[in-house]
Amino acid sequence: MKVDLPEKLYYNIGEVAKSFDVNTSLIRFWEKEFDIIKPKKNAKGNRKFTPEDIKNFEQIYHLVKERGFTLEGAKQHLKTHKGSTLDNYDLVRKLKHIKSELEAIKSKM
């Protein structure tokens, strides 16, 4: 899953939901379920997600949607593998990107 978001300090819930191709209700649900997501709220109560929150959403999305973990399984995995899951996920994502670039170069030859 590649998230296309511009470089910003804060993202609103609509931008986050659109980038992950999910409903805003799922974003709110994951916010309640996973304590690693802590968006700031403005005076109106609108959620403002940081780039760190986006990385956490990527990790949750990868575990739940791509690897098929249950919510409880994903919570347990995040607790036991603090940081290492994200590092592994980033590494795999970078390698897939490199592979696609190499395949594009190969097809041009």
PDB file of N, CA and C in Angstrom:
ATOM      1  N   MET A   1       0.845  -1.165   0.000  1.00  0.00           N
ATOM      2  CA  MET A   1       0.000   0.000   0.000  1.00  0.00           C
ATOM      3  C   MET A   1       0.886   1.223   0.000  1.00  0.00           C
ATOM      4  N   LYS A   2       0.751   2.020  -1.021  1.00  0.00           N
ATOM      5  CA  LYS A   2       1.512   3.257  -1.101  1.00  0.00           C
ATOM      6  C   LYS A   2       0.562   4.411  -0.823  1.00  0.00           C
ATOM      7  N   VAL A   3       0.913   5.219   0.147  1.00  0.00           N
ATOM      8  CA  VAL A   3       0.075   6.342   0.536  1.00  0.00           C
ATOM      9  C   VAL A   3       0.609   7.590  -0.138  1.00  0.00           C
ATOM     10  N   ASP A   4      -0.239   8.225  -0.955  1.00  0.00           N
ATOM     11  CA  ASP A   4       0.154   9.458  -1.632  1.00  0.00           C
ATOM     12  C   ASP A   4      -0.449  10.644  -0.913  1.00  0.00           C
ATOM     13  N   LEU A   5       0.331  11.224  -0.039  1.00  0.00           N
ATOM     14  CA  LEU A   5      -0.086  12.430   0.667  1.00  0.00           C
ATOM     15  C   LEU A   5       1.007  13.469   0.507  1.00  0.00           C
ATOM     16  N   PRO A   6       0.632  14.727   0.331  1.00  0.00           N
ATOM     17  CA  PRO A   6       1.655  15.771   0.249  1.00  0.00           C
ATOM     18  C   PRO A   6       2.335  15.955   1.603  1.00  0.00           C
ATOM     19  N   GLU A   7       3.525  16.518   1.575  1.00  0.00           N
ATOM     20  CA  GLU A   7       4.251  16.775   2.824  1.00  0.00           C
ATOM     21  C   GLU A   7       3.569  17.911   3.564  1.00  0.00           C
ATOM     22  N   LYS A   8       2.977  17.602   4.699  1.00  0.00           N
ATOM     23  CA  LYS A   8       2.294  18.595   5.525  1.00  0.00           C
ATOM     24  C   LYS A   8       2.534  18.255   6.989  1.00  0.00           C
ATOM     25  N   LEU A   9       2.257  19.221   7.851  1.00  0.00           N
ATOM     26  CA  LEU A   9       2.361  18.959   9.290  1.00  0.00           C
ATOM     27  C   LEU A   9       1.160  18.185   9.792  1.00  0.00           C
ATOM     28  N   TYR A  10      -0.024  18.487   9.236  1.00  0.00           N
ATOM     29  CA  TYR A  10      -1.253  17.842   9.687  1.00  0.00           C
ATOM     30  C   TYR A  10      -2.130  17.485   8.496  1.00  0.00           C
ATOM     31  N   TYR A  11      -2.851  16.377   8.645  1.00  0.00           N
ATOM     32  CA  TYR A  11      -3.792  15.911   7.627  1.00  0.00           C
ATOM     33  C   TYR A  11      -5.160  15.766   8.272  1.00  0.00           C
ATOM     34  N   ASN A  12      -6.212  16.117   7.531  1.00  0.00           N
ATOM     35  CA  ASN A  12      -7.549  15.921   8.093  1.00  0.00           C
ATOM     36  C   ASN A  12      -8.000  14.488   7.820  1.00  0.00           C
ATOM     37  N   ILE A  13      -9.077  14.109   8.453  1.00  0.00           N
ATOM     38  CA  ILE A  13      -9.528  12.711   8.393  1.00  0.00           C
ATOM     39  C   ILE A  13      -9.930  12.304   6.969  1.00  0.00           C
ATOM     40  N   GLY A  14     -10.458  13.243   6.201  1.00  0.00           N
ATOM     41  CA  GLY A  14     -10.842  12.945   4.825  1.00  0.00           C
ATOM     42  C   GLY A  14      -9.641  12.603   3.958  1.00  0.00           C
ATOM     43  N   GLU A  15      -8.555  13.350   4.130  1.00  0.00           N
ATOM     44  CA  GLU A  15      -7.335  13.075   3.375  1.00  0.00           C
ATOM     45  C   GLU A  15      -6.764  11.709   3.736  1.00  0.00           C
ATOM     46  N   VAL A  16      -6.784  11.386   5.004  1.00  0.00           N
ATOM     47  CA  VAL A  16      -6.245  10.105   5.460  1.00  0.00           C
ATOM     48  C   VAL A  16      -7.095   8.961   4.913  1.00  0.00           C
ATOM     49  N   ALA A  17      -8.404   9.088   5.027  1.00  0.00           N
ATOM     50  CA  ALA A  17      -9.297   8.030   4.542  1.00  0.00           C
ATOM     51  C   ALA A  17      -9.144   7.838   3.038  1.00  0.00           C
ATOM     52  N   LYS A  18      -9.049   8.926   2.298  1.00  0.00           N
ATOM     53  CA  LYS A  18      -8.914   8.832   0.842  1.00  0.00           C
ATOM     54  C   LYS A  18      -7.595   8.174   0.457  1.00  0.00           C
ATOM     55  N   SER A  19      -6.522   8.506   1.166  1.00  0.00           N
ATOM     56  CA  SER A  19      -5.215   7.938   0.827  1.00  0.00           C
ATOM     57  C   SER A  19      -5.169   6.429   1.067  1.00  0.00           C
ATOM     58  N   PHE A  20      -5.921   5.949   2.060  1.00  0.00           N
ATOM     59  CA  PHE A  20      -5.966   4.510   2.336  1.00  0.00           C
ATOM     60  C   PHE A  20      -7.148   3.822   1.649  1.00  0.00           C
ATOM     61  N   ASP A  21      -7.971   4.606   0.961  1.00  0.00           N
ATOM     62  CA  ASP A  21      -9.159   4.091   0.266  1.00  0.00           C
ATOM     63  C   ASP A  21     -10.089   3.347   1.227  1.00  0.00           C
ATOM     64  N   VAL A  22     -10.366   4.007   2.367  1.00  0.00           N
ATOM     65  CA  VAL A  22     -11.292   3.468   3.361  1.00  0.00           C
ATOM     66  C   VAL A  22     -12.251   4.585   3.777  1.00  0.00           C
ATOM     67  N   ASN A  23     -13.273   4.232   4.527  1.00  0.00           N
ATOM     68  CA  ASN A  23     -14.219   5.217   5.039  1.00  0.00           C
ATOM     69  C   ASN A  23     -13.627   5.952   6.240  1.00  0.00           C
ATOM     70  N   THR A  24     -14.113   7.168   6.458  1.00  0.00           N
ATOM     71  CA  THR A  24     -13.652   7.925   7.626  1.00  0.00           C
ATOM     72  C   THR A  24     -14.050   7.226   8.915  1.00  0.00           C
ATOM     73  N   SER A  25     -15.140   6.475   8.882  1.00  0.00           N
ATOM     74  CA  SER A  25     -15.571   5.762  10.089  1.00  0.00           C
ATOM     75  C   SER A  25     -14.534   4.711  10.501  1.00  0.00           C
ATOM     76  N   LEU A  26     -13.861   4.099   9.532  1.00  0.00           N
ATOM     77  CA  LEU A  26     -12.820   3.122   9.862  1.00  0.00           C
ATOM     78  C   LEU A  26     -11.623   3.823  10.504  1.00  0.00           C
ATOM     79  N   ILE A  27     -11.300   5.009  10.032  1.00  0.00           N
ATOM     80  CA  ILE A  27     -10.202   5.779  10.624  1.00  0.00           C
ATOM     81  C   ILE A  27     -10.537   6.111  12.079  1.00  0.00           C
ATOM     82  N   ARG A  28     -11.770   6.557  12.325  1.00  0.00           N
ATOM     83  CA  ARG A  28     -12.183   6.869  13.696  1.00  0.00           C
ATOM     84  C   ARG A  28     -12.174   5.619  14.565  1.00  0.00           C
ATOM     85  N   PHE A  29     -12.611   4.484  14.001  1.00  0.00           N
ATOM     86  CA  PHE A  29     -12.635   3.224  14.739  1.00  0.00           C
ATOM     87  C   PHE A  29     -11.224   2.799  15.124  1.00  0.00           C
ATOM     88  N   TRP A  30     -10.297   2.841  14.164  1.00  0.00           N
ATOM     89  CA  TRP A  30      -8.922   2.465  14.451  1.00  0.00           C
ATOM     90  C   TRP A  30      -8.309   3.403  15.474  1.00  0.00           C
ATOM     91  N   GLU A  31      -8.698   4.667  15.437  1.00  0.00           N
ATOM     92  CA  GLU A  31      -8.198   5.621  16.430  1.00  0.00           C
ATOM     93  C   GLU A  31      -8.600   5.193  17.836  1.00  0.00           C
ATOM     94  N   LYS A  32      -9.828   4.711  17.986  1.00  0.00           N
ATOM     95  CA  LYS A  32     -10.303   4.257  19.292  1.00  0.00           C
ATOM     96  C   LYS A  32      -9.635   2.948  19.711  1.00  0.00           C
ATOM     97  N   GLU A  33      -9.430   2.058  18.758  1.00  0.00           N
ATOM     98  CA  GLU A  33      -8.915   0.720  19.057  1.00  0.00           C
ATOM     99  C   GLU A  33      -7.411   0.682  19.323  1.00  0.00           C
ATOM    100  N   PHE A  34      -6.649   1.503  18.616  1.00  0.00           N
ATOM    101  CA  PHE A  34      -5.193   1.451  18.718  1.00  0.00           C
ATOM    102  C   PHE A  34      -4.686   2.703  19.418  1.00  0.00           C
ATOM    103  N   ASP A  35      -3.994   2.497  20.524  1.00  0.00           N
ATOM    104  CA  ASP A  35      -3.538   3.640  21.316  1.00  0.00           C
ATOM    105  C   ASP A  35      -2.311   4.330  20.725  1.00  0.00           C
ATOM    106  N   ILE A  36      -1.736   3.799  19.660  1.00  0.00           N
ATOM    107  CA  ILE A  36      -0.588   4.467  19.035  1.00  0.00           C
ATOM    108  C   ILE A  36      -1.027   5.632  18.151  1.00  0.00           C
ATOM    109  N   ILE A  37      -2.324   5.724  17.875  1.00  0.00           N
ATOM    110  CA  ILE A  37      -2.841   6.825  17.062  1.00  0.00           C
ATOM    111  C   ILE A  37      -3.461   7.850  17.994  1.00  0.00           C
ATOM    112  N   LYS A  38      -2.854   9.017  18.002  1.00  0.00           N
ATOM    113  CA  LYS A  38      -3.314  10.092  18.879  1.00  0.00           C
ATOM    114  C   LYS A  38      -3.388  11.395  18.094  1.00  0.00           C
ATOM    115  N   PRO A  39      -4.454  11.601  17.324  1.00  0.00           N
ATOM    116  CA  PRO A  39      -4.523  12.853  16.554  1.00  0.00           C
ATOM    117  C   PRO A  39      -4.794  14.049  17.464  1.00  0.00           C
ATOM    118  N   LYS A  40      -4.324  15.178  17.022  1.00  0.00           N
ATOM    119  CA  LYS A  40      -4.642  16.413  17.731  1.00  0.00           C
ATOM    120  C   LYS A  40      -6.022  16.841  17.275  1.00  0.00           C
ATOM    121  N   LYS A  41      -6.732  17.569  18.111  1.00  0.00           N
ATOM    122  CA  LYS A  41      -8.053  18.069  17.740  1.00  0.00           C
ATOM    123  C   LYS A  41      -8.064  19.576  17.886  1.00  0.00           C
ATOM    124  N   ASN A  42      -8.693  20.237  16.915  1.00  0.00           N
ATOM    125  CA  ASN A  42      -8.779  21.689  16.999  1.00  0.00           C
ATOM    126  C   ASN A  42      -9.980  22.076  17.850  1.00  0.00           C
ATOM    127  N   ALA A  43     -10.287  23.367  17.920  1.00  0.00           N
ATOM    128  CA  ALA A  43     -11.376  23.856  18.780  1.00  0.00           C
ATOM    129  C   ALA A  43     -12.726  23.261  18.384  1.00  0.00           C
ATOM    130  N   LYS A  44     -12.909  22.978  17.104  1.00  0.00           N
ATOM    131  CA  LYS A  44     -14.165  22.387  16.637  1.00  0.00           C
ATOM    132  C   LYS A  44     -14.224  20.877  16.879  1.00  0.00           C
ATOM    133  N   GLY A  45     -13.106  20.281  17.259  1.00  0.00           N
ATOM    134  CA  GLY A  45     -13.071  18.844  17.481  1.00  0.00           C
ATOM    135  C   GLY A  45     -12.635  18.054  16.260  1.00  0.00           C
ATOM    136  N   ASN A  46     -12.227  18.749  15.194  1.00  0.00           N
ATOM    137  CA  ASN A  46     -11.748  18.068  13.993  1.00  0.00           C
ATOM    138  C   ASN A  46     -10.387  17.446  14.258  1.00  0.00           C
ATOM    139  N   ARG A  47     -10.219  16.214  13.794  1.00  0.00           N
ATOM    140  CA  ARG A  47      -8.970  15.503  14.000  1.00  0.00           C
ATOM    141  C   ARG A  47      -7.915  16.008  13.024  1.00  0.00           C
ATOM    142  N   LYS A  48      -6.698  16.160  13.520  1.00  0.00           N
ATOM    143  CA  LYS A  48      -5.548  16.543  12.701  1.00  0.00           C
ATOM    144  C   LYS A  48      -4.468  15.496  12.928  1.00  0.00           C
ATOM    145  N   PHE A  49      -4.195  14.710  11.895  1.00  0.00           N
ATOM    146  CA  PHE A  49      -3.245  13.614  11.995  1.00  0.00           C
ATOM    147  C   PHE A  49      -1.854  14.060  11.561  1.00  0.00           C
ATOM    148  N   THR A  50      -0.850  13.635  12.300  1.00  0.00           N
ATOM    149  CA  THR A  50       0.535  13.969  11.995  1.00  0.00           C
ATOM    150  C   THR A  50       1.126  12.910  11.058  1.00  0.00           C
ATOM    151  N   PRO A  51       2.278  13.198  10.455  1.00  0.00           N
ATOM    152  CA  PRO A  51       2.936  12.164   9.642  1.00  0.00           C
ATOM    153  C   PRO A  51       3.243  10.891  10.442  1.00  0.00           C
ATOM    154  N   GLU A  52       3.498  11.033  11.732  1.00  0.00           N
ATOM    155  CA  GLU A  52       3.718   9.858  12.585  1.00  0.00           C
ATOM    156  C   GLU A  52       2.440   9.014  12.668  1.00  0.00           C
ATOM    157  N   ASP A  53       1.287   9.678  12.777  1.00  0.00           N
ATOM    158  CA  ASP A  53       0.008   8.952  12.773  1.00  0.00           C
ATOM    159  C   ASP A  53      -0.183   8.219  11.454  1.00  0.00           C
ATOM    160  N   ILE A  54       0.223   8.836  10.345  1.00  0.00           N
ATOM    161  CA  ILE A  54       0.083   8.209   9.031  1.00  0.00           C
ATOM    162  C   ILE A  54       0.938   6.948   8.968  1.00  0.00           C
ATOM    163  N   LYS A  55       2.157   7.001   9.504  1.00  0.00           N
ATOM    164  CA  LYS A  55       3.010   5.800   9.538  1.00  0.00           C
ATOM    165  C   LYS A  55       2.357   4.701  10.365  1.00  0.00           C
ATOM    166  N   ASN A  56       1.740   5.085  11.472  1.00  0.00           N
ATOM    167  CA  ASN A  56       1.051   4.100  12.306  1.00  0.00           C
ATOM    168  C   ASN A  56      -0.145   3.504  11.568  1.00  0.00           C
ATOM    169  N   PHE A  57      -0.883   4.344  10.828  1.00  0.00           N
ATOM    170  CA  PHE A  57      -1.999   3.835  10.027  1.00  0.00           C
ATOM    171  C   PHE A  57      -1.484   2.873   8.963  1.00  0.00           C
ATOM    172  N   GLU A  58      -0.351   3.186   8.351  1.00  0.00           N
ATOM    173  CA  GLU A  58       0.217   2.280   7.345  1.00  0.00           C
ATOM    174  C   GLU A  58       0.512   0.917   7.962  1.00  0.00           C
ATOM    175  N   GLN A  59       1.054   0.959   9.150  1.00  0.00           N
ATOM    176  CA  GLN A  59       1.383  -0.283   9.848  1.00  0.00           C
ATOM    177  C   GLN A  59       0.118  -1.074  10.174  1.00  0.00           C
ATOM    178  N   ILE A  60      -0.890  -0.405  10.698  1.00  0.00           N
ATOM    179  CA  ILE A  60      -2.154  -1.070  11.031  1.00  0.00           C
ATOM    180  C   ILE A  60      -2.814  -1.610   9.768  1.00  0.00           C
ATOM    181  N   TYR A  61      -2.855  -0.791   8.723  1.00  0.00           N
ATOM    182  CA  TYR A  61      -3.463  -1.210   7.460  1.00  0.00           C
ATOM    183  C   TYR A  61      -2.753  -2.458   6.934  1.00  0.00           C
ATOM    184  N   HIS A  62      -1.432  -2.443   6.980  1.00  0.00           N
ATOM    185  CA  HIS A  62      -0.662  -3.583   6.493  1.00  0.00           C
ATOM    186  C   HIS A  62      -1.006  -4.851   7.274  1.00  0.00           C
ATOM    187  N   LEU A  63      -1.071  -4.730   8.589  1.00  0.00           N
ATOM    188  CA  LEU A  63      -1.355  -5.912   9.413  1.00  0.00           C
ATOM    189  C   LEU A  63      -2.784  -6.408   9.222  1.00  0.00           C
ATOM    190  N   VAL A  64      -3.745  -5.493   9.243  1.00  0.00           N
ATOM    191  CA  VAL A  64      -5.160  -5.891   9.223  1.00  0.00           C
ATOM    192  C   VAL A  64      -5.653  -6.205   7.813  1.00  0.00           C
ATOM    193  N   LYS A  65      -5.401  -5.314   6.874  1.00  0.00           N
ATOM    194  CA  LYS A  65      -5.970  -5.473   5.535  1.00  0.00           C
ATOM    195  C   LYS A  65      -5.126  -6.355   4.622  1.00  0.00           C
ATOM    196  N   GLU A  66      -3.806  -6.231   4.712  1.00  0.00           N
ATOM    197  CA  GLU A  66      -2.957  -6.974   3.784  1.00  0.00           C
ATOM    198  C   GLU A  66      -2.532  -8.339   4.318  1.00  0.00           C
ATOM    199  N   ARG A  67      -2.249  -8.418   5.607  1.00  0.00           N
ATOM    200  CA  ARG A  67      -1.804  -9.692   6.173  1.00  0.00           C
ATOM    201  C   ARG A  67      -2.924 -10.464   6.844  1.00  0.00           C
ATOM    202  N   GLY A  68      -4.093  -9.856   7.022  1.00  0.00           N
ATOM    203  CA  GLY A  68      -5.252 -10.566   7.541  1.00  0.00           C
ATOM    204  C   GLY A  68      -5.287 -10.756   9.043  1.00  0.00           C
ATOM    205  N   PHE A  69      -4.578  -9.936   9.791  1.00  0.00           N
ATOM    206  CA  PHE A  69      -4.610 -10.029  11.247  1.00  0.00           C
ATOM    207  C   PHE A  69      -5.979  -9.589  11.762  1.00  0.00           C
ATOM    208  N   THR A  70      -6.402 -10.160  12.875  1.00  0.00           N
ATOM    209  CA  THR A  70      -7.571  -9.631  13.574  1.00  0.00           C
ATOM    210  C   THR A  70      -7.117  -8.376  14.307  1.00  0.00           C
ATOM    211  N   LEU A  71      -8.066  -7.591  14.801  1.00  0.00           N
ATOM    212  CA  LEU A  71      -7.693  -6.382  15.534  1.00  0.00           C
ATOM    213  C   LEU A  71      -6.882  -6.734  16.777  1.00  0.00           C
ATOM    214  N   GLU A  72      -7.313  -7.756  17.496  1.00  0.00           N
ATOM    215  CA  GLU A  72      -6.584  -8.171  18.692  1.00  0.00           C
ATOM    216  C   GLU A  72      -5.188  -8.688  18.323  1.00  0.00           C
ATOM    217  N   GLY A  73      -5.109  -9.434  17.231  1.00  0.00           N
ATOM    218  CA  GLY A  73      -3.811  -9.927  16.779  1.00  0.00           C
ATOM    219  C   GLY A  73      -2.883  -8.792  16.379  1.00  0.00           C
ATOM    220  N   ALA A  74      -3.437  -7.787  15.710  1.00  0.00           N
ATOM    221  CA  ALA A  74      -2.637  -6.628  15.300  1.00  0.00           C
ATOM    222  C   ALA A  74      -2.164  -5.848  16.524  1.00  0.00           C
ATOM    223  N   LYS A  75      -3.045  -5.677  17.517  1.00  0.00           N
ATOM    224  CA  LYS A  75      -2.659  -4.975  18.746  1.00  0.00           C
ATOM    225  C   LYS A  75      -1.519  -5.714  19.439  1.00  0.00           C
ATOM    226  N   GLN A  76      -1.651  -7.034  19.537  1.00  0.00           N
ATOM    227  CA  GLN A  76      -0.626  -7.851  20.193  1.00  0.00           C
ATOM    228  C   GLN A  76       0.688  -7.767  19.432  1.00  0.00           C
ATOM    229  N   HIS A  77       0.605  -7.846  18.115  1.00  0.00           N
ATOM    230  CA  HIS A  77       1.801  -7.779  17.281  1.00  0.00           C
ATOM    231  C   HIS A  77       2.502  -6.432  17.447  1.00  0.00           C
ATOM    232  N   LEU A  78       1.747  -5.359  17.491  1.00  0.00           N
ATOM    233  CA  LEU A  78       2.330  -4.028  17.655  1.00  0.00           C
ATOM    234  C   LEU A  78       3.005  -3.882  19.018  1.00  0.00           C
ATOM    235  N   LYS A  79       2.422  -4.502  20.045  1.00  0.00           N
ATOM    236  CA  LYS A  79       3.016  -4.423  21.383  1.00  0.00           C
ATOM    237  C   LYS A  79       4.311  -5.219  21.473  1.00  0.00           C
ATOM    238  N   THR A  80       4.335  -6.397  20.862  1.00  0.00           N
ATOM    239  CA  THR A  80       5.513  -7.257  20.987  1.00  0.00           C
ATOM    240  C   THR A  80       6.628  -6.877  20.022  1.00  0.00           C
ATOM    241  N   HIS A  81       6.294  -6.235  18.929  1.00  0.00           N
ATOM    242  CA  HIS A  81       7.289  -5.884  17.913  1.00  0.00           C
ATOM    243  C   HIS A  81       7.364  -4.368  17.724  1.00  0.00           C
ATOM    244  N   LYS A  82       7.484  -3.629  18.784  1.00  0.00           N
ATOM    245  CA  LYS A  82       7.514  -2.168  18.702  1.00  0.00           C
ATOM    246  C   LYS A  82       8.603  -1.705  17.747  1.00  0.00           C
ATOM    247  N   GLY A  83       8.179  -1.007  16.689  1.00  0.00           N
ATOM    248  CA  GLY A  83       9.126  -0.438  15.741  1.00  0.00           C
ATOM    249  C   GLY A  83       9.633  -1.395  14.691  1.00  0.00           C
ATOM    250  N   SER A  84       9.853  -2.665  15.040  1.00  0.00           N
ATOM    251  CA  SER A  84      10.437  -3.583  14.071  1.00  0.00           C
ATOM    252  C   SER A  84       9.476  -3.876  12.920  1.00  0.00           C
ATOM    253  N   THR A  85       8.182  -3.921  13.193  1.00  0.00           N
ATOM    254  CA  THR A  85       7.213  -4.163  12.126  1.00  0.00           C
ATOM    255  C   THR A  85       7.249  -3.030  11.124  1.00  0.00           C
ATOM    256  N   LEU A  86       7.315  -1.815  11.625  1.00  0.00           N
ATOM    257  CA  LEU A  86       7.347  -0.658  10.735  1.00  0.00           C
ATOM    258  C   LEU A  86       8.638  -0.650   9.933  1.00  0.00           C
ATOM    259  N   ASP A  87       9.753  -0.988  10.572  1.00  0.00           N
ATOM    260  CA  ASP A  87      11.024  -1.044   9.865  1.00  0.00           C
ATOM    261  C   ASP A  87      10.979  -2.095   8.766  1.00  0.00           C
ATOM    262  N   ASN A  88      10.450  -3.276   9.079  1.00  0.00           N
ATOM    263  CA  ASN A  88      10.333  -4.334   8.081  1.00  0.00           C
ATOM    264  C   ASN A  88       9.383  -3.927   6.964  1.00  0.00           C
ATOM    265  N   TYR A  89       8.277  -3.310   7.324  1.00  0.00           N
ATOM    266  CA  TYR A  89       7.300  -2.884   6.331  1.00  0.00           C
ATOM    267  C   TYR A  89       7.912  -1.841   5.403  1.00  0.00           C
ATOM    268  N   ASP A  90       8.641  -0.876   5.954  1.00  0.00           N
ATOM    269  CA  ASP A  90       9.305   0.142   5.138  1.00  0.00           C
ATOM    270  C   ASP A  90      10.320  -0.493   4.199  1.00  0.00           C
ATOM    271  N   LEU A  91      11.073  -1.454   4.706  1.00  0.00           N
ATOM    272  CA  LEU A  91      12.066  -2.138   3.889  1.00  0.00           C
ATOM    273  C   LEU A  91      11.411  -2.877   2.727  1.00  0.00           C
ATOM    274  N   VAL A  92      10.344  -3.608   3.002  1.00  0.00           N
ATOM    275  CA  VAL A  92       9.638  -4.344   1.952  1.00  0.00           C
ATOM    276  C   VAL A  92       9.054  -3.373   0.926  1.00  0.00           C
ATOM    277  N   ARG A  93       8.485  -2.275   1.397  1.00  0.00           N
ATOM    278  CA  ARG A  93       7.904  -1.283   0.479  1.00  0.00           C
ATOM    279  C   ARG A  93       8.984  -0.679  -0.415  1.00  0.00           C
ATOM    280  N   LYS A  94      10.145  -0.372   0.139  1.00  0.00           N
ATOM    281  CA  LYS A  94      11.242   0.185  -0.659  1.00  0.00           C
ATOM    282  C   LYS A  94      11.744  -0.831  -1.671  1.00  0.00           C
ATOM    283  N   LEU A  95      11.859  -2.087  -1.254  1.00  0.00           N
ATOM    284  CA  LEU A  95      12.310  -3.120  -2.177  1.00  0.00           C
ATOM    285  C   LEU A  95      11.320  -3.336  -3.321  1.00  0.00           C
ATOM    286  N   LYS A  96      10.029  -3.286  -3.023  1.00  0.00           N
ATOM    287  CA  LYS A  96       9.016  -3.417  -4.084  1.00  0.00           C
ATOM    288  C   LYS A  96       9.110  -2.258  -5.063  1.00  0.00           C
ATOM    289  N   HIS A  97       9.368  -1.066  -4.543  1.00  0.00           N
ATOM    290  CA  HIS A  97       9.509   0.107  -5.403  1.00  0.00           C
ATOM    291  C   HIS A  97      10.730  -0.039  -6.310  1.00  0.00           C
ATOM    292  N   ILE A  98      11.840  -0.502  -5.761  1.00  0.00           N
ATOM    293  CA  ILE A  98      13.049  -0.718  -6.544  1.00  0.00           C
ATOM    294  C   ILE A  98      12.811  -1.778  -7.615  1.00  0.00           C
ATOM    295  N   LYS A  99      12.097  -2.842  -7.224  1.00  0.00           N
ATOM    296  CA  LYS A  99      11.797  -3.911  -8.175  1.00  0.00           C
ATOM    297  C   LYS A  99      10.967  -3.386  -9.341  1.00  0.00           C
ATOM    298  N   SER A 100       9.950  -2.571  -9.045  1.00  0.00           N
ATOM    299  CA  SER A 100       9.111  -2.043 -10.124  1.00  0.00           C
ATOM    300  C   SER A 100       9.902  -1.109 -11.038  1.00  0.00           C
ATOM    301  N   GLU A 101      10.827  -0.331 -10.464  1.00  0.00           N
ATOM    302  CA  GLU A 101      11.668   0.525 -11.298  1.00  0.00           C
ATOM    303  C   GLU A 101      12.591  -0.285 -12.182  1.00  0.00           C
ATOM    304  N   LEU A 102      13.174  -1.336 -11.634  1.00  0.00           N
ATOM    305  CA  LEU A 102      14.051  -2.199 -12.435  1.00  0.00           C
ATOM    306  C   LEU A 102      13.289  -2.909 -13.548  1.00  0.00           C
ATOM    307  N   GLU A 103      12.064  -3.347 -13.239  1.00  0.00           N
ATOM    308  CA  GLU A 103      11.249  -3.988 -14.276  1.00  0.00           C
ATOM    309  C   GLU A 103      10.881  -2.999 -15.374  1.00  0.00           C
ATOM    310  N   ALA A 104      10.631  -1.740 -15.011  1.00  0.00           N
ATOM    311  CA  ALA A 104      10.331  -0.712 -16.005  1.00  0.00           C
ATOM    312  C   ALA A 104      11.538  -0.457 -16.905  1.00  0.00           C
ATOM    313  N   ILE A 105      12.723  -0.426 -16.313  1.00  0.00           N
ATOM    314  CA  ILE A 105      13.941  -0.241 -17.096  1.00  0.00           C
ATOM    315  C   ILE A 105      14.161  -1.429 -18.024  1.00  0.00           C
ATOM    316  N   LYS A 106      13.926  -2.618 -17.507  1.00  0.00           N
ATOM    317  CA  LYS A 106      14.113  -3.835 -18.295  1.00  0.00           C
ATOM    318  C   LYS A 106      13.147  -3.864 -19.491  1.00  0.00           C
ATOM    319  N   SER A 107      11.916  -3.429 -19.275  1.00  0.00           N
ATOM    320  CA  SER A 107      10.933  -3.457 -20.367  1.00  0.00           C
ATOM    321  C   SER A 107      11.249  -2.444 -21.455  1.00  0.00           C
ATOM    322  N   LYS A 108      11.989  -1.389 -21.134  1.00  0.00           N
ATOM    323  CA  LYS A 108      12.368  -0.379 -22.122  1.00  0.00           C
ATOM    324  C   LYS A 108      13.514  -0.852 -23.011  1.00  0.00           C
ATOM    325  N   MET A 109      14.253  -1.856 -22.552  1.00  0.00           N
ATOM    326  CA  MET A 109      15.417  -2.341 -23.320  1.00  0.00           C
ATOM    327  C   MET A 109      15.012  -3.254 -24.434  1.00  0.00           C
TER     328      MET A 109
END
